[in-house]
């Protein structure tokens, strides 16, 4: 497989036909190119008990990525990467190989096209459409982080 290139695209926010606000590309992103969506320093681990006891519980649950034992959430909800605004699609145009901050285009993405991902691929156990719902047929793993 050829080494992937990084796209020079800048993502910006705008009204979404999917839900609320979405991310859009300013230039063509070619299939297979990596896309800068998140700044690596823009997320923090919040253990489940701490998240549910936080005065910011609603924000963490709504925008955080639910995984075993807690959430990945923005460090500062006042200054967050555009990736936190990416909407879900069952036919996304971006995907992550590492389940983290590295996303690549599944198809050519045109200027002004909304950039989407499949929330269900973010964690093998949790359906991030419903945040705390464990997917059918999957059991909760015991975690010392909870």
N, C-alpha and C. Protein backbone atom coordinates (compact mmCIF):
# COMPACT_ATOMS: atom_id res chain seq x y z
N UNK A 1 0.84 -1.18 0.00
CA UNK A 1 0.00 0.00 0.00
C UNK A 1 0.89 1.24 0.00
N UNK A 2 0.55 2.20 -0.83
CA UNK A 2 1.32 3.43 -0.91
C UNK A 2 1.15 4.25 0.36
N UNK A 3 2.20 4.98 0.69
CA UNK A 3 2.14 5.84 1.88
C UNK A 3 1.13 6.96 1.63
N UNK A 4 0.28 7.18 2.62
CA UNK A 4 -0.73 8.23 2.49
C UNK A 4 -0.09 9.60 2.63
N UNK A 5 -0.66 10.56 1.89
CA UNK A 5 -0.23 11.96 1.98
C UNK A 5 -1.18 12.69 2.91
N UNK A 6 -0.71 13.79 3.44
CA UNK A 6 -1.56 14.67 4.23
C UNK A 6 -2.22 15.68 3.30
N UNK A 7 -3.51 15.89 3.46
CA UNK A 7 -4.23 16.89 2.70
C UNK A 7 -3.87 18.27 3.25
N UNK A 8 -3.90 19.27 2.37
CA UNK A 8 -3.70 20.66 2.80
C UNK A 8 -5.02 21.33 3.15
N UNK A 9 -6.10 20.56 3.14
CA UNK A 9 -7.42 21.11 3.41
C UNK A 9 -7.50 21.68 4.82
N UNK A 10 -8.22 22.76 4.93
CA UNK A 10 -8.58 23.32 6.23
C UNK A 10 -10.07 23.08 6.39
N UNK A 11 -10.45 22.56 7.52
CA UNK A 11 -11.87 22.33 7.78
C UNK A 11 -12.44 23.55 8.48
N UNK A 12 -13.67 23.88 8.14
CA UNK A 12 -14.34 25.01 8.77
C UNK A 12 -15.75 24.57 9.19
N UNK A 13 -16.36 25.35 10.05
CA UNK A 13 -17.68 25.02 10.57
C UNK A 13 -18.76 25.76 9.81
N UNK A 14 -19.92 25.12 9.69
CA UNK A 14 -21.05 25.75 9.03
C UNK A 14 -22.33 25.00 9.38
N UNK A 15 -23.48 25.57 9.02
CA UNK A 15 -24.76 24.90 9.28
C UNK A 15 -24.79 23.56 8.56
N UNK A 16 -25.32 22.55 9.24
CA UNK A 16 -25.36 21.20 8.69
C UNK A 16 -26.78 20.77 8.37
N UNK A 17 -26.94 20.04 7.28
CA UNK A 17 -28.24 19.44 6.95
C UNK A 17 -28.44 18.16 7.77
N UNK A 18 -27.35 17.65 8.37
CA UNK A 18 -27.43 16.44 9.18
C UNK A 18 -27.90 16.78 10.59
N UNK A 19 -27.17 17.71 11.25
CA UNK A 19 -27.53 18.08 12.62
C UNK A 19 -26.73 19.31 13.04
N UNK A 20 -27.40 20.39 13.33
CA UNK A 20 -26.76 21.58 13.91
C UNK A 20 -25.62 22.13 13.07
N UNK A 21 -24.42 22.00 13.60
CA UNK A 21 -23.20 22.51 12.97
C UNK A 21 -22.40 21.32 12.45
N UNK A 22 -21.74 21.50 11.32
CA UNK A 22 -20.91 20.45 10.75
C UNK A 22 -19.57 20.99 10.29
N UNK A 23 -18.70 20.09 9.87
CA UNK A 23 -17.37 20.43 9.35
C UNK A 23 -17.39 20.33 7.83
N UNK A 24 -16.71 21.26 7.20
CA UNK A 24 -16.67 21.31 5.74
C UNK A 24 -15.24 21.51 5.28
N UNK A 25 -14.94 21.01 4.09
CA UNK A 25 -13.62 21.16 3.51
C UNK A 25 -13.56 22.39 2.62
N UNK A 26 -12.41 23.07 2.64
CA UNK A 26 -12.26 24.25 1.79
C UNK A 26 -11.72 23.90 0.40
N UNK A 27 -11.07 22.75 0.25
CA UNK A 27 -10.51 22.32 -1.03
C UNK A 27 -10.82 20.83 -1.21
N UNK A 28 -10.49 20.30 -2.37
CA UNK A 28 -10.68 18.87 -2.62
C UNK A 28 -9.74 18.08 -1.72
N UNK A 29 -10.30 17.06 -1.08
CA UNK A 29 -9.50 16.09 -0.32
C UNK A 29 -9.59 14.80 -1.13
N UNK A 30 -8.45 14.27 -1.52
CA UNK A 30 -8.43 13.06 -2.34
C UNK A 30 -8.59 11.81 -1.49
N UNK A 31 -9.25 10.81 -2.05
CA UNK A 31 -9.43 9.52 -1.38
C UNK A 31 -8.07 9.03 -0.87
N UNK A 32 -8.05 8.63 0.40
CA UNK A 32 -6.83 8.10 1.01
C UNK A 32 -5.97 9.13 1.72
N UNK A 33 -6.19 10.42 1.46
CA UNK A 33 -5.38 11.44 2.12
C UNK A 33 -5.77 11.57 3.59
N UNK A 34 -4.75 11.79 4.42
CA UNK A 34 -5.00 12.10 5.82
C UNK A 34 -5.56 13.51 5.92
N UNK A 35 -6.43 13.72 6.90
CA UNK A 35 -7.07 15.02 7.08
C UNK A 35 -6.87 15.46 8.53
N UNK A 36 -6.44 16.70 8.72
CA UNK A 36 -6.29 17.24 10.07
C UNK A 36 -7.66 17.60 10.61
N UNK A 37 -8.08 16.87 11.63
CA UNK A 37 -9.41 17.04 12.19
C UNK A 37 -9.32 17.47 13.65
N UNK A 38 -8.41 16.85 14.38
CA UNK A 38 -8.21 17.13 15.80
C UNK A 38 -6.76 17.52 16.03
N UNK A 39 -6.54 18.44 16.96
CA UNK A 39 -5.19 18.67 17.49
C UNK A 39 -5.00 17.61 18.58
N UNK A 40 -3.90 16.87 18.55
CA UNK A 40 -3.71 15.79 19.53
C UNK A 40 -3.82 16.25 20.99
N UNK A 41 -3.46 17.48 21.25
CA UNK A 41 -3.51 17.99 22.63
C UNK A 41 -4.90 18.50 23.01
N UNK A 42 -5.89 18.28 22.14
CA UNK A 42 -7.23 18.80 22.36
C UNK A 42 -8.18 17.79 22.98
N UNK A 43 -7.67 16.71 23.57
CA UNK A 43 -8.58 15.78 24.22
C UNK A 43 -7.99 15.32 25.54
N UNK A 44 -8.88 14.93 26.43
CA UNK A 44 -8.46 14.45 27.75
C UNK A 44 -9.32 13.25 28.11
N UNK A 45 -8.76 12.39 28.94
CA UNK A 45 -9.46 11.22 29.43
C UNK A 45 -10.22 11.61 30.69
N UNK A 46 -11.52 11.30 30.75
CA UNK A 46 -12.34 11.57 31.92
C UNK A 46 -12.95 10.24 32.36
N UNK A 47 -12.49 9.70 33.50
CA UNK A 47 -13.06 8.44 33.98
C UNK A 47 -14.56 8.58 34.21
N UNK A 48 -15.28 7.49 34.07
CA UNK A 48 -16.74 7.49 34.14
C UNK A 48 -17.27 8.16 35.40
N UNK A 49 -16.77 7.78 36.56
CA UNK A 49 -17.27 8.36 37.82
C UNK A 49 -17.04 9.87 37.87
N UNK A 50 -15.88 10.30 37.42
CA UNK A 50 -15.57 11.73 37.42
C UNK A 50 -16.47 12.47 36.42
N UNK A 51 -16.69 11.88 35.25
CA UNK A 51 -17.55 12.51 34.24
C UNK A 51 -18.97 12.66 34.76
N UNK A 52 -19.50 11.61 35.38
CA UNK A 52 -20.88 11.66 35.85
C UNK A 52 -21.06 12.54 37.09
N UNK A 53 -19.98 12.84 37.80
CA UNK A 53 -20.04 13.73 38.96
C UNK A 53 -19.70 15.17 38.59
N UNK A 54 -19.25 15.40 37.37
CA UNK A 54 -18.81 16.73 36.94
C UNK A 54 -19.98 17.68 36.74
N UNK A 55 -19.77 18.97 37.04
CA UNK A 55 -20.82 19.95 36.72
C UNK A 55 -21.01 20.09 35.20
N UNK A 56 -20.06 19.54 34.43
CA UNK A 56 -20.11 19.59 32.97
C UNK A 56 -20.55 18.25 32.38
N UNK A 57 -21.22 17.44 33.19
CA UNK A 57 -21.66 16.10 32.81
C UNK A 57 -22.41 16.09 31.47
N UNK A 58 -23.34 17.02 31.29
CA UNK A 58 -24.14 17.03 30.06
C UNK A 58 -23.27 17.27 28.83
N UNK A 59 -22.31 18.19 28.94
CA UNK A 59 -21.41 18.45 27.81
C UNK A 59 -20.52 17.24 27.52
N UNK A 60 -19.98 16.65 28.57
CA UNK A 60 -19.10 15.49 28.40
C UNK A 60 -19.86 14.35 27.75
N UNK A 61 -21.09 14.08 28.23
CA UNK A 61 -21.89 12.99 27.68
C UNK A 61 -22.33 13.28 26.25
N UNK A 62 -22.65 14.54 25.95
CA UNK A 62 -23.14 14.87 24.61
C UNK A 62 -22.02 14.88 23.57
N UNK A 63 -20.87 15.42 23.93
CA UNK A 63 -19.81 15.60 22.94
C UNK A 63 -18.64 14.64 23.10
N UNK A 64 -18.51 14.03 24.27
CA UNK A 64 -17.39 13.12 24.49
C UNK A 64 -17.53 11.84 23.71
N UNK A 65 -16.43 11.14 23.55
CA UNK A 65 -16.41 9.85 22.88
C UNK A 65 -16.42 8.79 23.97
N UNK A 66 -17.49 8.02 24.05
CA UNK A 66 -17.66 7.03 25.11
C UNK A 66 -16.87 5.78 24.77
N UNK A 67 -15.99 5.40 25.67
CA UNK A 67 -15.20 4.19 25.55
C UNK A 67 -15.23 3.47 26.89
N UNK A 68 -14.62 2.31 26.95
CA UNK A 68 -14.59 1.52 28.18
C UNK A 68 -14.03 2.35 29.33
N UNK A 69 -14.82 2.53 30.37
CA UNK A 69 -14.34 3.19 31.58
C UNK A 69 -14.49 4.69 31.62
N UNK A 70 -14.95 5.33 30.55
CA UNK A 70 -15.08 6.78 30.58
C UNK A 70 -15.30 7.40 29.22
N UNK A 71 -14.79 8.62 29.08
CA UNK A 71 -14.98 9.41 27.87
C UNK A 71 -13.66 10.08 27.48
N UNK A 72 -13.48 10.25 26.18
CA UNK A 72 -12.50 11.21 25.68
C UNK A 72 -13.30 12.46 25.41
N UNK A 73 -12.87 13.58 25.95
CA UNK A 73 -13.61 14.83 25.83
C UNK A 73 -12.65 15.98 25.54
N UNK A 74 -13.16 17.09 25.02
CA UNK A 74 -12.29 18.24 24.79
C UNK A 74 -11.65 18.72 26.11
N UNK A 75 -10.44 19.20 26.01
CA UNK A 75 -9.75 19.76 27.17
C UNK A 75 -10.48 21.03 27.61
N UNK A 76 -10.89 21.84 26.65
CA UNK A 76 -11.55 23.11 26.93
C UNK A 76 -12.69 23.27 25.93
N UNK A 77 -13.92 23.24 26.40
CA UNK A 77 -15.07 23.35 25.51
C UNK A 77 -15.16 24.72 24.84
N UNK A 78 -14.39 25.68 25.29
CA UNK A 78 -14.39 27.00 24.65
C UNK A 78 -13.45 27.07 23.46
N UNK A 79 -12.50 26.13 23.39
CA UNK A 79 -11.51 26.11 22.30
C UNK A 79 -11.32 24.66 21.86
N UNK A 80 -12.17 24.22 20.95
CA UNK A 80 -12.08 22.83 20.54
C UNK A 80 -11.82 22.71 19.04
N UNK A 81 -11.17 21.63 18.68
CA UNK A 81 -10.89 21.35 17.27
C UNK A 81 -12.19 21.16 16.51
N UNK A 82 -12.16 21.42 15.21
CA UNK A 82 -13.35 21.27 14.39
C UNK A 82 -13.86 19.83 14.40
N UNK A 83 -12.98 18.87 14.63
CA UNK A 83 -13.37 17.47 14.63
C UNK A 83 -14.46 17.14 15.64
N UNK A 84 -14.51 17.89 16.73
CA UNK A 84 -15.55 17.65 17.73
C UNK A 84 -16.94 17.96 17.17
N UNK A 85 -17.00 18.69 16.06
CA UNK A 85 -18.27 19.04 15.42
C UNK A 85 -18.64 18.09 14.28
N UNK A 86 -17.79 17.12 13.99
CA UNK A 86 -18.10 16.21 12.88
C UNK A 86 -19.36 15.42 13.17
N UNK A 87 -20.24 15.39 12.22
CA UNK A 87 -21.50 14.66 12.36
C UNK A 87 -21.35 13.21 11.94
N UNK A 88 -22.27 12.39 12.45
CA UNK A 88 -22.32 10.97 12.12
C UNK A 88 -22.97 10.74 10.77
N UNK A 89 -22.47 9.74 10.07
CA UNK A 89 -23.11 9.26 8.86
C UNK A 89 -22.88 7.75 8.77
N UNK A 90 -23.90 7.03 8.31
CA UNK A 90 -23.73 5.60 8.08
C UNK A 90 -22.90 5.35 6.84
N UNK A 91 -22.74 6.38 6.01
CA UNK A 91 -21.85 6.32 4.84
C UNK A 91 -20.87 7.48 4.95
N UNK A 92 -19.93 7.39 5.91
CA UNK A 92 -19.01 8.50 6.17
C UNK A 92 -18.02 8.69 5.03
N UNK A 93 -17.40 9.88 5.02
CA UNK A 93 -16.34 10.11 4.04
C UNK A 93 -14.96 10.17 4.71
N UNK A 94 -14.92 10.08 6.05
CA UNK A 94 -13.66 9.99 6.79
C UNK A 94 -13.71 8.78 7.72
N UNK A 95 -12.53 8.23 7.99
CA UNK A 95 -12.41 7.12 8.92
C UNK A 95 -11.06 7.20 9.60
N UNK A 96 -10.98 6.63 10.79
CA UNK A 96 -9.73 6.58 11.54
C UNK A 96 -9.25 5.14 11.61
N UNK A 97 -7.95 4.95 11.40
CA UNK A 97 -7.33 3.63 11.56
C UNK A 97 -6.93 3.39 13.00
N UNK A 98 -6.60 4.47 13.70
CA UNK A 98 -6.04 4.32 15.04
C UNK A 98 -7.05 4.60 16.14
N UNK A 99 -8.30 4.90 15.79
CA UNK A 99 -9.32 5.19 16.78
C UNK A 99 -8.97 6.42 17.60
N UNK A 100 -8.18 7.29 17.02
CA UNK A 100 -7.69 8.45 17.77
C UNK A 100 -7.86 9.71 16.93
N UNK A 101 -6.77 10.35 16.59
CA UNK A 101 -6.85 11.64 15.92
C UNK A 101 -6.46 11.61 14.45
N UNK A 102 -6.10 10.45 13.91
CA UNK A 102 -5.66 10.36 12.53
C UNK A 102 -6.79 9.85 11.65
N UNK A 103 -7.31 10.73 10.80
CA UNK A 103 -8.41 10.39 9.91
C UNK A 103 -7.97 10.49 8.46
N UNK A 104 -8.56 9.65 7.61
CA UNK A 104 -8.27 9.70 6.18
C UNK A 104 -9.57 9.64 5.39
N UNK A 105 -9.51 10.15 4.16
CA UNK A 105 -10.69 10.21 3.30
C UNK A 105 -11.00 8.85 2.69
N UNK A 106 -12.26 8.44 2.79
CA UNK A 106 -12.71 7.19 2.19
C UNK A 106 -13.07 7.37 0.72
N UNK A 107 -13.26 8.62 0.31
CA UNK A 107 -13.59 8.96 -1.07
C UNK A 107 -13.13 10.39 -1.29
N UNK A 108 -13.14 10.85 -2.53
CA UNK A 108 -12.84 12.25 -2.78
C UNK A 108 -13.91 13.11 -2.10
N UNK A 109 -13.47 14.16 -1.43
CA UNK A 109 -14.37 15.09 -0.74
C UNK A 109 -14.20 16.45 -1.42
N UNK A 110 -15.30 17.03 -1.85
CA UNK A 110 -15.25 18.26 -2.62
C UNK A 110 -15.39 19.49 -1.73
N UNK A 111 -14.90 20.65 -2.20
CA UNK A 111 -15.04 21.88 -1.41
C UNK A 111 -16.51 22.13 -1.06
N UNK A 112 -16.74 22.46 0.20
CA UNK A 112 -18.10 22.73 0.66
C UNK A 112 -18.88 21.49 1.05
N UNK A 113 -18.29 20.31 0.87
CA UNK A 113 -18.96 19.07 1.25
C UNK A 113 -18.74 18.82 2.74
N UNK A 114 -19.79 18.38 3.42
CA UNK A 114 -19.65 18.11 4.85
C UNK A 114 -18.79 16.87 5.06
N UNK A 115 -17.90 16.96 6.00
CA UNK A 115 -17.00 15.87 6.38
C UNK A 115 -17.67 15.11 7.52
N UNK A 116 -17.81 13.78 7.35
CA UNK A 116 -18.53 12.98 8.34
C UNK A 116 -17.73 11.74 8.73
N UNK A 117 -18.13 11.16 9.86
CA UNK A 117 -17.54 9.91 10.32
C UNK A 117 -18.65 9.02 10.86
N UNK A 118 -18.35 7.75 11.05
CA UNK A 118 -19.33 6.82 11.60
C UNK A 118 -19.04 6.68 13.09
N UNK A 119 -19.91 7.25 13.92
CA UNK A 119 -19.71 7.22 15.37
C UNK A 119 -19.62 5.80 15.91
N UNK A 120 -20.26 4.85 15.22
CA UNK A 120 -20.28 3.48 15.70
C UNK A 120 -18.92 2.80 15.59
N UNK A 121 -17.99 3.38 14.85
CA UNK A 121 -16.65 2.80 14.69
C UNK A 121 -15.64 3.36 15.68
N UNK A 122 -16.09 4.23 16.59
CA UNK A 122 -15.18 4.90 17.51
C UNK A 122 -14.76 4.03 18.68
N UNK A 123 -15.57 3.05 19.03
CA UNK A 123 -15.26 2.16 20.14
C UNK A 123 -15.93 0.82 19.85
N UNK A 124 -15.21 -0.28 20.03
CA UNK A 124 -15.81 -1.58 19.71
C UNK A 124 -16.95 -1.98 20.64
N UNK A 125 -17.06 -1.35 21.81
CA UNK A 125 -18.07 -1.74 22.79
C UNK A 125 -19.28 -0.82 22.84
N UNK A 126 -19.06 0.48 22.68
CA UNK A 126 -20.14 1.45 22.88
C UNK A 126 -20.63 2.04 21.57
N UNK A 127 -21.93 2.27 21.53
CA UNK A 127 -22.56 2.92 20.40
C UNK A 127 -22.51 4.42 20.69
N UNK A 128 -21.62 5.13 20.06
CA UNK A 128 -21.47 6.55 20.35
C UNK A 128 -22.57 7.41 19.76
N UNK A 129 -23.57 6.79 19.18
CA UNK A 129 -24.78 7.53 18.83
C UNK A 129 -25.61 7.74 20.09
N UNK A 130 -25.56 6.76 21.00
CA UNK A 130 -26.32 6.82 22.25
C UNK A 130 -25.41 7.00 23.46
N UNK A 131 -24.13 7.13 23.25
CA UNK A 131 -23.09 7.33 24.25
C UNK A 131 -22.92 6.20 25.25
N UNK A 132 -23.85 5.97 26.14
CA UNK A 132 -23.65 4.99 27.20
C UNK A 132 -24.26 3.62 26.91
N UNK A 133 -24.81 3.45 25.72
CA UNK A 133 -25.44 2.18 25.38
C UNK A 133 -24.37 1.20 24.90
N UNK A 134 -24.36 0.01 25.52
CA UNK A 134 -23.46 -1.05 25.07
C UNK A 134 -24.13 -1.71 23.88
N UNK A 135 -23.37 -1.93 22.82
CA UNK A 135 -23.91 -2.51 21.60
C UNK A 135 -24.42 -3.93 21.85
N UNK A 136 -25.48 -4.34 21.15
CA UNK A 136 -26.02 -5.69 21.30
C UNK A 136 -24.94 -6.74 21.04
N UNK A 137 -24.94 -7.78 21.86
CA UNK A 137 -23.98 -8.86 21.68
C UNK A 137 -22.60 -8.57 22.24
N UNK A 138 -22.43 -7.40 22.82
CA UNK A 138 -21.14 -7.04 23.40
C UNK A 138 -21.30 -6.90 24.90
N UNK A 139 -20.36 -7.44 25.61
CA UNK A 139 -20.42 -7.36 27.07
C UNK A 139 -19.47 -6.27 27.55
N UNK A 140 -19.83 -5.69 28.64
CA UNK A 140 -18.93 -4.71 29.26
C UNK A 140 -17.71 -5.42 29.78
N UNK A 141 -16.56 -4.84 29.53
CA UNK A 141 -15.32 -5.37 30.08
C UNK A 141 -15.15 -4.80 31.47
N UNK A 142 -14.55 -5.56 32.34
CA UNK A 142 -14.26 -5.02 33.67
C UNK A 142 -13.11 -4.03 33.51
N UNK A 143 -13.23 -2.90 34.17
CA UNK A 143 -12.24 -1.85 34.02
C UNK A 143 -11.89 -1.28 35.38
N UNK A 144 -10.62 -1.06 35.58
CA UNK A 144 -10.18 -0.42 36.82
C UNK A 144 -10.28 1.09 36.71
N UNK A 145 -10.61 1.59 35.48
CA UNK A 145 -10.68 3.04 35.27
C UNK A 145 -12.02 3.61 35.67
N UNK A 146 -13.05 2.81 35.77
CA UNK A 146 -14.40 3.33 36.04
C UNK A 146 -14.54 3.86 37.45
